């Protein structure tokens, strides 16, 4: 889940007052600093999109609820998630799951509307960002880790496992591409 939050936003500015925002019939608001930011696009953030190949969550600032923000797998009597959420969110009544965003925070839902507040990861950050190859290629966390650790043999093995039919040569090229992105 944290792959949609990192790298963190470095833009300075106020979160409040929120600014009304409408996109394709969805209504709500976005943080003040995001409303005039060049990275705001369709209610998401394009910061580092060349590295992650995805939209990231907007920066809604810290949550009013205190607690540890290290990642844990969410589980309740009905659901065992395959993604991690901040520890403090795992037992919070504001944690919700929806078809469009997956896990999200419903705190101040009346203010943010369809542009849900993201989860609060506090000061915790992953060891590295999750890199993304262009679709239709599949990229896993393991591939990102192998690039970060400069383990090309393990990268090629995982690459060909999740992308059957692609050549070793293409794997090597994508390894180099992802390494260059990290620089």
N, C-alpha and C. Protein backbone atom coordinates (compact mmCIF):
# COMPACT_ATOMS: atom_id res chain seq x y z
N UNK A 1 0.82 -1.20 0.00
CA UNK A 1 0.00 0.00 0.00
C UNK A 1 0.86 1.26 0.00
N UNK A 2 2.03 1.17 0.67
CA UNK A 2 2.85 2.38 0.76
C UNK A 2 3.50 2.76 -0.56
N UNK A 3 3.39 1.92 -1.57
CA UNK A 3 3.98 2.31 -2.85
C UNK A 3 3.27 3.52 -3.46
N UNK A 4 2.08 3.84 -2.97
CA UNK A 4 1.34 5.01 -3.46
C UNK A 4 1.63 6.28 -2.65
N UNK A 5 2.57 6.22 -1.71
CA UNK A 5 2.87 7.35 -0.84
C UNK A 5 4.32 7.82 -0.93
N UNK A 6 5.20 7.01 -1.50
CA UNK A 6 6.62 7.32 -1.51
C UNK A 6 7.16 7.33 -2.92
N UNK A 7 8.07 8.24 -3.24
CA UNK A 7 8.70 9.24 -2.40
C UNK A 7 7.70 10.28 -1.89
N UNK A 8 8.00 10.81 -0.69
CA UNK A 8 7.09 11.76 -0.05
C UNK A 8 7.09 13.09 -0.81
N UNK A 9 6.04 13.83 -0.59
CA UNK A 9 5.92 15.16 -1.18
C UNK A 9 6.90 16.11 -0.49
N UNK A 10 7.59 16.91 -1.28
CA UNK A 10 8.54 17.88 -0.73
C UNK A 10 8.05 19.31 -0.89
N UNK A 11 6.84 19.47 -1.44
CA UNK A 11 6.29 20.81 -1.65
C UNK A 11 5.83 21.38 -0.31
N UNK A 12 6.29 22.56 0.02
CA UNK A 12 5.88 23.23 1.24
C UNK A 12 4.56 23.96 1.00
N UNK A 13 3.78 24.09 2.06
CA UNK A 13 2.53 24.84 1.94
C UNK A 13 1.49 24.35 2.93
N UNK A 14 0.41 25.10 2.98
CA UNK A 14 -0.66 24.79 3.93
C UNK A 14 -1.61 23.74 3.37
N UNK A 15 -2.09 22.88 4.25
CA UNK A 15 -3.10 21.89 3.90
C UNK A 15 -4.48 22.56 3.91
N UNK A 16 -4.71 23.39 4.88
CA UNK A 16 -5.98 24.11 5.05
C UNK A 16 -5.82 25.55 4.56
N UNK A 17 -6.84 26.16 4.08
CA UNK A 17 -8.16 25.58 3.87
C UNK A 17 -8.17 24.67 2.64
N UNK A 18 -9.00 23.65 2.70
CA UNK A 18 -9.11 22.74 1.55
C UNK A 18 -9.71 23.51 0.38
N UNK A 19 -9.45 23.01 -0.82
CA UNK A 19 -9.92 23.67 -2.04
C UNK A 19 -10.84 22.70 -2.79
N UNK A 20 -12.05 23.17 -3.12
CA UNK A 20 -13.01 22.33 -3.84
C UNK A 20 -12.38 21.81 -5.13
N UNK A 21 -12.73 20.56 -5.45
CA UNK A 21 -12.15 19.93 -6.63
C UNK A 21 -13.18 18.98 -7.23
N UNK A 22 -13.31 19.04 -8.54
CA UNK A 22 -14.23 18.15 -9.26
C UNK A 22 -13.47 17.52 -10.41
N UNK A 23 -13.64 16.21 -10.56
CA UNK A 23 -13.05 15.52 -11.70
C UNK A 23 -13.96 14.38 -12.12
N UNK A 24 -14.39 14.41 -13.37
CA UNK A 24 -15.24 13.38 -13.96
C UNK A 24 -16.44 13.03 -13.08
N UNK A 25 -17.08 14.06 -12.56
CA UNK A 25 -18.28 13.86 -11.74
C UNK A 25 -18.00 13.58 -10.28
N UNK A 26 -16.75 13.37 -9.91
CA UNK A 26 -16.40 13.17 -8.50
C UNK A 26 -16.19 14.53 -7.87
N UNK A 27 -16.78 14.74 -6.71
CA UNK A 27 -16.65 16.03 -6.05
C UNK A 27 -16.04 15.86 -4.67
N UNK A 28 -15.33 16.87 -4.26
CA UNK A 28 -14.70 16.87 -2.96
C UNK A 28 -13.75 18.04 -2.86
N UNK A 29 -12.62 17.80 -2.22
CA UNK A 29 -11.62 18.84 -2.03
C UNK A 29 -10.23 18.23 -2.02
N UNK A 30 -9.24 19.08 -2.24
CA UNK A 30 -7.84 18.68 -2.17
C UNK A 30 -7.13 19.64 -1.22
N UNK A 31 -5.99 19.23 -0.67
CA UNK A 31 -5.23 20.14 0.20
C UNK A 31 -4.88 21.43 -0.53
N UNK A 32 -4.87 22.52 0.19
CA UNK A 32 -4.59 23.84 -0.37
C UNK A 32 -3.30 23.84 -1.18
N UNK A 33 -2.22 23.30 -0.61
CA UNK A 33 -0.93 23.34 -1.32
C UNK A 33 -0.96 22.55 -2.62
N UNK A 34 -1.82 21.54 -2.70
CA UNK A 34 -1.92 20.71 -3.90
C UNK A 34 -2.71 21.42 -5.01
N UNK A 35 -3.63 22.29 -4.60
CA UNK A 35 -4.53 22.91 -5.58
C UNK A 35 -3.81 23.74 -6.62
N UNK A 36 -2.66 24.28 -6.28
CA UNK A 36 -1.90 25.10 -7.24
C UNK A 36 -0.59 24.43 -7.66
N UNK A 37 -0.41 23.17 -7.30
CA UNK A 37 0.83 22.45 -7.60
C UNK A 37 0.78 21.88 -9.02
N UNK A 38 1.88 21.95 -9.72
CA UNK A 38 1.96 21.42 -11.08
C UNK A 38 1.80 19.90 -11.12
N UNK A 39 1.95 19.22 -9.99
CA UNK A 39 1.85 17.76 -9.96
C UNK A 39 0.43 17.25 -9.74
N UNK A 40 -0.53 18.14 -9.45
CA UNK A 40 -1.92 17.71 -9.27
C UNK A 40 -2.48 17.29 -10.62
N UNK A 41 -3.01 16.07 -10.68
CA UNK A 41 -3.60 15.57 -11.92
C UNK A 41 -4.70 14.58 -11.58
N UNK A 42 -5.91 14.90 -11.97
CA UNK A 42 -7.07 14.03 -11.79
C UNK A 42 -7.27 13.61 -10.33
N UNK A 43 -6.90 14.46 -9.40
CA UNK A 43 -7.07 14.15 -7.98
C UNK A 43 -5.94 13.35 -7.38
N UNK A 44 -4.90 13.10 -8.16
CA UNK A 44 -3.71 12.39 -7.68
C UNK A 44 -2.49 13.25 -7.90
N UNK A 45 -1.34 12.73 -7.52
CA UNK A 45 -0.09 13.48 -7.62
C UNK A 45 0.86 12.78 -8.58
N UNK A 46 1.44 13.54 -9.49
CA UNK A 46 2.37 12.98 -10.48
C UNK A 46 3.83 13.12 -10.05
N UNK A 47 4.10 13.49 -8.78
CA UNK A 47 5.49 13.59 -8.34
C UNK A 47 6.20 12.25 -8.57
N UNK A 48 7.37 12.29 -9.13
CA UNK A 48 8.21 11.12 -9.38
C UNK A 48 7.51 10.06 -10.26
N UNK A 49 6.56 10.47 -11.08
CA UNK A 49 5.85 9.49 -11.91
C UNK A 49 6.77 8.81 -12.92
N UNK A 50 7.85 9.48 -13.33
CA UNK A 50 8.79 8.84 -14.24
C UNK A 50 9.52 7.68 -13.56
N UNK A 51 9.59 7.71 -12.24
CA UNK A 51 10.25 6.66 -11.46
C UNK A 51 9.26 5.57 -11.07
N UNK A 52 8.06 5.96 -10.65
CA UNK A 52 7.10 5.00 -10.11
C UNK A 52 6.09 4.52 -11.15
N UNK A 53 5.91 5.28 -12.20
CA UNK A 53 4.96 4.94 -13.27
C UNK A 53 3.53 4.83 -12.73
N UNK A 54 3.20 5.64 -11.73
CA UNK A 54 1.86 5.64 -11.15
C UNK A 54 1.60 7.00 -10.50
N UNK A 55 0.32 7.29 -10.27
CA UNK A 55 -0.04 8.47 -9.47
C UNK A 55 0.19 8.13 -8.01
N UNK A 56 0.61 9.13 -7.25
CA UNK A 56 0.78 8.96 -5.81
C UNK A 56 -0.33 9.73 -5.09
N UNK A 57 -0.53 9.41 -3.80
CA UNK A 57 -1.53 10.11 -3.01
C UNK A 57 -1.11 11.55 -2.78
N UNK A 58 -2.09 12.41 -2.67
CA UNK A 58 -1.83 13.80 -2.30
C UNK A 58 -1.37 13.83 -0.85
N UNK A 59 -0.77 14.93 -0.44
CA UNK A 59 -0.28 15.09 0.93
C UNK A 59 -1.33 15.80 1.78
N UNK A 60 -2.02 15.04 2.61
CA UNK A 60 -3.05 15.59 3.48
C UNK A 60 -2.51 15.97 4.85
N UNK A 61 -1.21 15.85 5.04
CA UNK A 61 -0.61 16.21 6.31
C UNK A 61 -0.81 15.12 7.35
N UNK A 62 -0.29 15.35 8.55
CA UNK A 62 -0.39 14.33 9.60
C UNK A 62 -1.82 14.16 10.11
N UNK A 63 -2.11 12.97 10.56
CA UNK A 63 -3.40 12.62 11.14
C UNK A 63 -3.44 13.08 12.60
N UNK A 64 -4.62 13.38 13.11
CA UNK A 64 -4.75 13.81 14.50
C UNK A 64 -4.61 12.65 15.49
N UNK A 65 -4.65 11.43 14.99
CA UNK A 65 -4.55 10.26 15.86
C UNK A 65 -3.09 9.83 15.94
N UNK A 66 -2.58 9.73 17.14
CA UNK A 66 -1.18 9.38 17.36
C UNK A 66 -1.00 7.87 17.39
N UNK A 67 0.20 7.43 17.11
CA UNK A 67 0.52 6.02 17.18
C UNK A 67 1.65 5.67 16.25
N UNK A 68 2.14 4.43 16.34
CA UNK A 68 3.25 3.99 15.48
C UNK A 68 2.82 3.84 14.03
N UNK A 69 3.71 4.16 13.12
CA UNK A 69 3.36 4.14 11.70
C UNK A 69 4.15 3.11 10.90
N UNK A 70 4.84 2.20 11.58
CA UNK A 70 5.52 1.14 10.84
C UNK A 70 4.48 0.26 10.16
N UNK A 71 4.84 -0.37 9.04
CA UNK A 71 3.85 -1.13 8.27
C UNK A 71 3.50 -2.48 8.91
N UNK A 72 2.21 -2.81 8.86
CA UNK A 72 1.71 -4.12 9.29
C UNK A 72 0.66 -4.57 8.29
N UNK A 73 0.47 -5.87 8.19
CA UNK A 73 -0.58 -6.40 7.33
C UNK A 73 -1.90 -6.30 8.08
N UNK A 74 -2.89 -5.71 7.44
CA UNK A 74 -4.21 -5.56 8.06
C UNK A 74 -4.92 -6.91 8.09
N UNK A 75 -5.56 -7.18 9.21
CA UNK A 75 -6.35 -8.40 9.32
C UNK A 75 -7.47 -8.18 10.34
N UNK A 76 -8.67 -8.63 9.98
CA UNK A 76 -9.78 -8.67 10.93
C UNK A 76 -10.50 -10.00 10.75
N UNK A 77 -11.66 -10.16 11.35
CA UNK A 77 -12.34 -11.45 11.26
C UNK A 77 -12.87 -11.75 9.86
N UNK A 78 -12.94 -10.76 8.98
CA UNK A 78 -13.47 -10.95 7.63
C UNK A 78 -12.41 -10.87 6.53
N UNK A 79 -11.29 -10.22 6.81
CA UNK A 79 -10.34 -9.87 5.76
C UNK A 79 -8.91 -10.05 6.23
N UNK A 80 -8.08 -10.62 5.37
CA UNK A 80 -6.64 -10.68 5.61
C UNK A 80 -5.99 -10.04 4.38
N UNK A 81 -5.45 -8.85 4.56
CA UNK A 81 -4.93 -8.07 3.43
C UNK A 81 -3.57 -8.56 2.97
N UNK A 82 -3.29 -8.31 1.70
CA UNK A 82 -1.99 -8.62 1.11
C UNK A 82 -1.10 -7.39 1.08
N UNK A 83 -1.61 -6.28 1.58
CA UNK A 83 -0.85 -5.03 1.59
C UNK A 83 -0.71 -4.54 3.03
N UNK A 84 0.30 -3.70 3.22
CA UNK A 84 0.56 -3.17 4.55
C UNK A 84 -0.07 -1.80 4.72
N UNK A 85 -0.46 -1.51 5.95
CA UNK A 85 -0.97 -0.20 6.34
C UNK A 85 -0.19 0.25 7.56
N UNK A 86 -0.20 1.54 7.89
CA UNK A 86 0.47 1.98 9.10
C UNK A 86 -0.15 1.30 10.33
N UNK A 87 0.68 0.91 11.28
CA UNK A 87 0.21 0.19 12.47
C UNK A 87 -0.94 0.93 13.16
N UNK A 88 -0.81 2.24 13.32
CA UNK A 88 -1.86 2.98 14.01
C UNK A 88 -3.19 2.94 13.25
N UNK A 89 -3.12 2.81 11.92
CA UNK A 89 -4.33 2.75 11.11
C UNK A 89 -5.00 1.38 11.18
N UNK A 90 -4.22 0.34 11.47
CA UNK A 90 -4.76 -1.02 11.42
C UNK A 90 -5.88 -1.26 12.42
N UNK A 91 -5.94 -0.45 13.48
CA UNK A 91 -7.00 -0.61 14.48
C UNK A 91 -7.87 0.63 14.59
N UNK A 92 -7.76 1.52 13.64
CA UNK A 92 -8.48 2.79 13.68
C UNK A 92 -9.86 2.66 13.04
N UNK A 93 -10.84 3.28 13.64
CA UNK A 93 -12.20 3.23 13.11
C UNK A 93 -12.34 4.01 11.80
N UNK A 94 -11.37 4.86 11.49
CA UNK A 94 -11.42 5.64 10.25
C UNK A 94 -10.87 4.88 9.04
N UNK A 95 -10.21 3.74 9.28
CA UNK A 95 -9.68 2.96 8.16
C UNK A 95 -10.84 2.28 7.44
N UNK A 96 -10.92 2.53 6.15
CA UNK A 96 -11.98 1.96 5.31
C UNK A 96 -11.33 1.32 4.09
N UNK A 97 -12.10 0.49 3.43
CA UNK A 97 -11.63 -0.11 2.18
C UNK A 97 -12.70 0.10 1.12
N UNK A 98 -12.26 0.50 -0.04
CA UNK A 98 -13.19 0.77 -1.13
C UNK A 98 -12.68 0.18 -2.43
N UNK A 99 -13.54 0.05 -3.41
CA UNK A 99 -13.14 -0.56 -4.68
C UNK A 99 -12.18 0.30 -5.51
N UNK A 100 -12.22 1.60 -5.32
CA UNK A 100 -11.40 2.49 -6.15
C UNK A 100 -10.02 2.74 -5.55
N UNK A 101 -9.93 2.92 -4.24
CA UNK A 101 -8.67 3.29 -3.61
C UNK A 101 -8.05 2.19 -2.76
N UNK A 102 -8.77 1.12 -2.52
CA UNK A 102 -8.28 0.14 -1.56
C UNK A 102 -8.45 0.75 -0.18
N UNK A 103 -7.45 0.63 0.68
CA UNK A 103 -7.53 1.20 2.02
C UNK A 103 -7.40 2.72 1.95
N UNK A 104 -8.23 3.41 2.72
CA UNK A 104 -8.15 4.86 2.81
C UNK A 104 -8.63 5.30 4.19
N UNK A 105 -8.40 6.56 4.49
CA UNK A 105 -8.80 7.14 5.77
C UNK A 105 -10.09 7.93 5.57
N UNK A 106 -11.09 7.64 6.39
CA UNK A 106 -12.37 8.35 6.26
C UNK A 106 -12.48 9.55 7.21
N UNK A 107 -11.39 9.87 7.90
CA UNK A 107 -11.38 11.06 8.76
C UNK A 107 -11.65 12.29 7.90
N UNK A 108 -12.55 13.13 8.35
CA UNK A 108 -12.93 14.35 7.62
C UNK A 108 -13.51 14.05 6.24
N UNK A 109 -14.22 12.94 6.12
CA UNK A 109 -14.81 12.53 4.84
C UNK A 109 -15.72 13.61 4.27
N UNK A 110 -16.43 14.32 5.14
CA UNK A 110 -17.34 15.37 4.67
C UNK A 110 -16.58 16.51 4.00
N UNK A 111 -15.34 16.72 4.39
CA UNK A 111 -14.53 17.78 3.79
C UNK A 111 -13.90 17.31 2.48
N UNK A 112 -13.29 16.12 2.46
CA UNK A 112 -12.53 15.65 1.31
C UNK A 112 -13.39 14.99 0.24
N UNK A 113 -14.57 14.50 0.61
CA UNK A 113 -15.47 13.91 -0.37
C UNK A 113 -14.85 12.74 -1.10
N UNK A 114 -14.93 12.74 -2.42
CA UNK A 114 -14.44 11.62 -3.24
C UNK A 114 -12.91 11.54 -3.28
N UNK A 115 -12.23 12.58 -2.83
CA UNK A 115 -10.77 12.59 -2.85
C UNK A 115 -10.24 12.28 -1.46
N UNK A 116 -10.43 11.02 -1.09
CA UNK A 116 -10.14 10.55 0.26
C UNK A 116 -8.76 10.90 0.76
N UNK A 117 -8.72 11.17 2.02
CA UNK A 117 -7.47 11.39 2.74
C UNK A 117 -6.64 10.12 2.67
N UNK A 118 -5.35 10.25 2.47
CA UNK A 118 -4.47 9.09 2.45
C UNK A 118 -4.13 8.63 3.86
N UNK A 119 -3.49 7.49 3.97
CA UNK A 119 -3.06 6.98 5.27
C UNK A 119 -1.84 7.76 5.73
N UNK A 120 -1.67 7.86 7.05
CA UNK A 120 -0.57 8.65 7.63
C UNK A 120 0.60 7.73 7.97
N UNK A 121 1.66 7.81 7.17
CA UNK A 121 2.85 7.00 7.41
C UNK A 121 3.84 7.68 8.34
N UNK A 122 3.49 8.86 8.85
CA UNK A 122 4.35 9.56 9.80
C UNK A 122 5.75 9.76 9.26
N UNK A 123 6.75 9.41 10.07
CA UNK A 123 8.14 9.58 9.66
C UNK A 123 8.73 8.29 9.08
N UNK A 124 7.93 7.21 9.09
CA UNK A 124 8.41 5.95 8.53
C UNK A 124 8.54 6.07 7.01
N UNK A 125 9.60 5.48 6.46
CA UNK A 125 9.78 5.42 5.01
C UNK A 125 10.35 4.06 4.65
N UNK A 126 9.99 3.52 3.48
CA UNK A 126 10.57 2.24 3.06
C UNK A 126 12.05 2.40 2.73
N UNK A 127 12.75 1.27 2.68
CA UNK A 127 14.18 1.31 2.34
C UNK A 127 14.41 1.91 0.97
N UNK A 128 13.50 1.66 0.05
CA UNK A 128 13.60 2.25 -1.28
C UNK A 128 12.20 2.36 -1.87
N UNK A 129 12.08 3.14 -2.92
CA UNK A 129 10.79 3.28 -3.59
C UNK A 129 10.53 2.05 -4.46
N UNK A 130 9.27 1.82 -4.73
CA UNK A 130 8.91 0.71 -5.61
C UNK A 130 8.92 1.21 -7.04
N UNK A 131 9.83 0.69 -7.79
CA UNK A 131 9.96 1.06 -9.19
C UNK A 131 8.91 0.33 -10.00
N UNK A 132 8.58 0.89 -11.15
CA UNK A 132 7.54 0.28 -11.99
C UNK A 132 7.99 0.31 -13.44
N UNK A 133 7.99 -0.86 -14.05
CA UNK A 133 8.24 -0.93 -15.49
C UNK A 133 6.97 -0.57 -16.22
N UNK A 134 7.08 -0.10 -17.46
CA UNK A 134 5.87 0.23 -18.23
C UNK A 134 5.01 -1.02 -18.44
N UNK A 135 3.71 -0.83 -18.40
CA UNK A 135 2.78 -1.92 -18.67
C UNK A 135 2.93 -2.36 -20.11
N UNK A 136 2.75 -3.59 -20.44
CA UNK A 136 2.15 -4.67 -19.66
C UNK A 136 3.14 -5.46 -18.82
N UNK A 137 4.38 -5.01 -18.71
CA UNK A 137 5.36 -5.74 -17.90
C UNK A 137 4.95 -5.70 -16.43
N UNK A 138 5.18 -6.79 -15.74
CA UNK A 138 4.87 -6.90 -14.32
C UNK A 138 6.11 -6.54 -13.53
N UNK A 139 5.93 -5.73 -12.50
CA UNK A 139 7.02 -5.35 -11.62
C UNK A 139 6.65 -5.74 -10.20
N UNK A 140 7.55 -6.43 -9.50
CA UNK A 140 7.29 -6.83 -8.13
C UNK A 140 8.21 -6.07 -7.18
N UNK A 141 7.89 -6.13 -5.90
CA UNK A 141 8.74 -5.53 -4.87
C UNK A 141 10.13 -6.15 -4.93
N UNK A 142 10.19 -7.47 -5.15
CA UNK A 142 11.48 -8.16 -5.23
C UNK A 142 12.34 -7.58 -6.34
N UNK A 143 11.75 -7.26 -7.49
CA UNK A 143 12.53 -6.67 -8.58
C UNK A 143 13.14 -5.34 -8.15
N UNK A 144 12.35 -4.51 -7.47
CA UNK A 144 12.87 -3.23 -6.98
C UNK A 144 14.01 -3.46 -6.00
N UNK A 145 13.86 -4.43 -5.12
CA UNK A 145 14.90 -4.73 -4.14
C UNK A 145 16.18 -5.22 -4.81
N UNK A 146 16.05 -6.07 -5.84
CA UNK A 146 17.23 -6.58 -6.54
C UNK A 146 17.97 -5.47 -7.27
N UNK A 147 17.23 -4.51 -7.81
CA UNK A 147 17.87 -3.36 -8.46
C UNK A 147 18.64 -2.55 -7.43
N UNK A 148 17.98 -2.26 -6.30
CA UNK A 148 18.61 -1.47 -5.23
C UNK A 148 19.88 -2.15 -4.72
N UNK A 149 19.87 -3.49 -4.63
CA UNK A 149 21.01 -4.25 -4.11
C UNK A 149 22.01 -4.64 -5.21
N UNK A 150 21.72 -4.25 -6.46
CA UNK A 150 22.58 -4.55 -7.61
C UNK A 150 22.77 -6.05 -7.81
N UNK A 151 21.69 -6.81 -7.69
CA UNK A 151 21.72 -8.27 -7.86
C UNK A 151 21.06 -8.65 -9.18
N UNK A 152 21.83 -8.56 -10.25
CA UNK A 152 21.27 -8.75 -11.58
C UNK A 152 20.81 -10.19 -11.84
N UNK A 153 21.52 -11.19 -11.33
CA UNK A 153 21.13 -12.59 -11.56
C UNK A 153 19.77 -12.87 -10.92
N UNK A 154 19.59 -12.43 -9.68
CA UNK A 154 18.30 -12.62 -9.01
C UNK A 154 17.21 -11.81 -9.70
N UNK A 155 17.57 -10.62 -10.19
CA UNK A 155 16.62 -9.79 -10.92
C UNK A 155 16.13 -10.52 -12.17
N UNK A 156 17.06 -11.06 -12.95
CA UNK A 156 16.68 -11.76 -14.18
C UNK A 156 15.78 -12.95 -13.88
N UNK A 157 16.11 -13.70 -12.86
CA UNK A 157 15.29 -14.86 -12.49
C UNK A 157 13.86 -14.46 -12.14
N UNK A 158 13.73 -13.44 -11.29
CA UNK A 158 12.39 -12.95 -10.89
C UNK A 158 11.67 -12.31 -12.07
N UNK A 159 12.39 -11.55 -12.85
CA UNK A 159 11.83 -10.87 -14.02
C UNK A 159 11.20 -11.88 -14.97
N UNK A 160 11.92 -12.95 -15.26
CA UNK A 160 11.42 -13.96 -16.21
C UNK A 160 10.31 -14.80 -15.60
N UNK A 161 10.30 -14.93 -14.26
CA UNK A 161 9.21 -15.65 -13.59
C UNK A 161 7.90 -14.89 -13.73
N UNK A 162 7.94 -13.55 -13.51
CA UNK A 162 6.71 -12.75 -13.54
C UNK A 162 6.38 -12.21 -14.93
N UNK A 163 7.34 -12.28 -15.84
CA UNK A 163 7.13 -11.84 -17.22
C UNK A 163 7.55 -12.96 -18.17
N UNK A 164 6.82 -14.07 -18.17
CA UNK A 164 7.22 -15.22 -19.01
C UNK A 164 7.26 -14.83 -20.48
N UNK A 165 8.25 -15.38 -21.15
CA UNK A 165 8.36 -15.13 -22.59
C UNK A 165 9.28 -13.98 -22.93
N UNK A 166 9.66 -13.17 -21.95
CA UNK A 166 10.58 -12.06 -22.23
C UNK A 166 12.02 -12.56 -22.13
N UNK A 167 12.89 -12.00 -22.92
CA UNK A 167 14.26 -12.50 -23.04
C UNK A 167 15.16 -12.01 -21.89
N UNK A 168 16.28 -12.71 -21.76
CA UNK A 168 17.29 -12.30 -20.78
C UNK A 168 17.84 -10.93 -21.17
N UNK A 169 18.01 -10.71 -22.45
CA UNK A 169 18.51 -9.43 -22.94
C UNK A 169 17.57 -8.28 -22.53
N UNK A 170 16.27 -8.51 -22.66
CA UNK A 170 15.30 -7.49 -22.26
C UNK A 170 15.34 -7.27 -20.75
N UNK A 171 15.53 -8.36 -20.01
CA UNK A 171 15.64 -8.25 -18.55
C UNK A 171 16.85 -7.39 -18.16
N UNK A 172 17.97 -7.63 -18.83
CA UNK A 172 19.18 -6.84 -18.56
C UNK A 172 18.95 -5.36 -18.89
N UNK A 173 18.28 -5.10 -20.01
CA UNK A 173 17.99 -3.71 -20.39
C UNK A 173 17.09 -3.04 -19.35
N UNK A 174 16.07 -3.76 -18.88
CA UNK A 174 15.17 -3.19 -17.87
C UNK A 174 15.88 -3.01 -16.53
N UNK A 175 16.79 -3.90 -16.20
CA UNK A 175 17.60 -3.76 -14.98
C UNK A 175 18.38 -2.45 -15.05
N UNK A 176 19.03 -2.22 -16.19
CA UNK A 176 19.81 -0.98 -16.38
C UNK A 176 18.91 0.25 -16.33
N UNK A 177 17.76 0.14 -16.96
CA UNK A 177 16.80 1.27 -16.97
C UNK A 177 16.40 1.63 -15.53
N UNK A 178 16.07 0.60 -14.74
CA UNK A 178 15.64 0.87 -13.35
C UNK A 178 16.79 1.38 -12.50
N UNK A 179 18.00 0.87 -12.73
CA UNK A 179 19.16 1.39 -12.00
C UNK A 179 19.38 2.87 -12.30
N UNK A 180 19.25 3.24 -13.56
CA UNK A 180 19.42 4.65 -13.94
C UNK A 180 18.37 5.52 -13.29
N UNK A 181 17.14 5.01 -13.15
CA UNK A 181 16.08 5.77 -12.49
C UNK A 181 16.42 6.07 -11.04
N UNK A 182 17.06 5.13 -10.38
CA UNK A 182 17.40 5.32 -8.96
C UNK A 182 18.50 6.32 -8.73
N UNK A 183 19.29 6.60 -9.76
CA UNK A 183 20.43 7.51 -9.59
C UNK A 183 19.99 8.92 -9.45
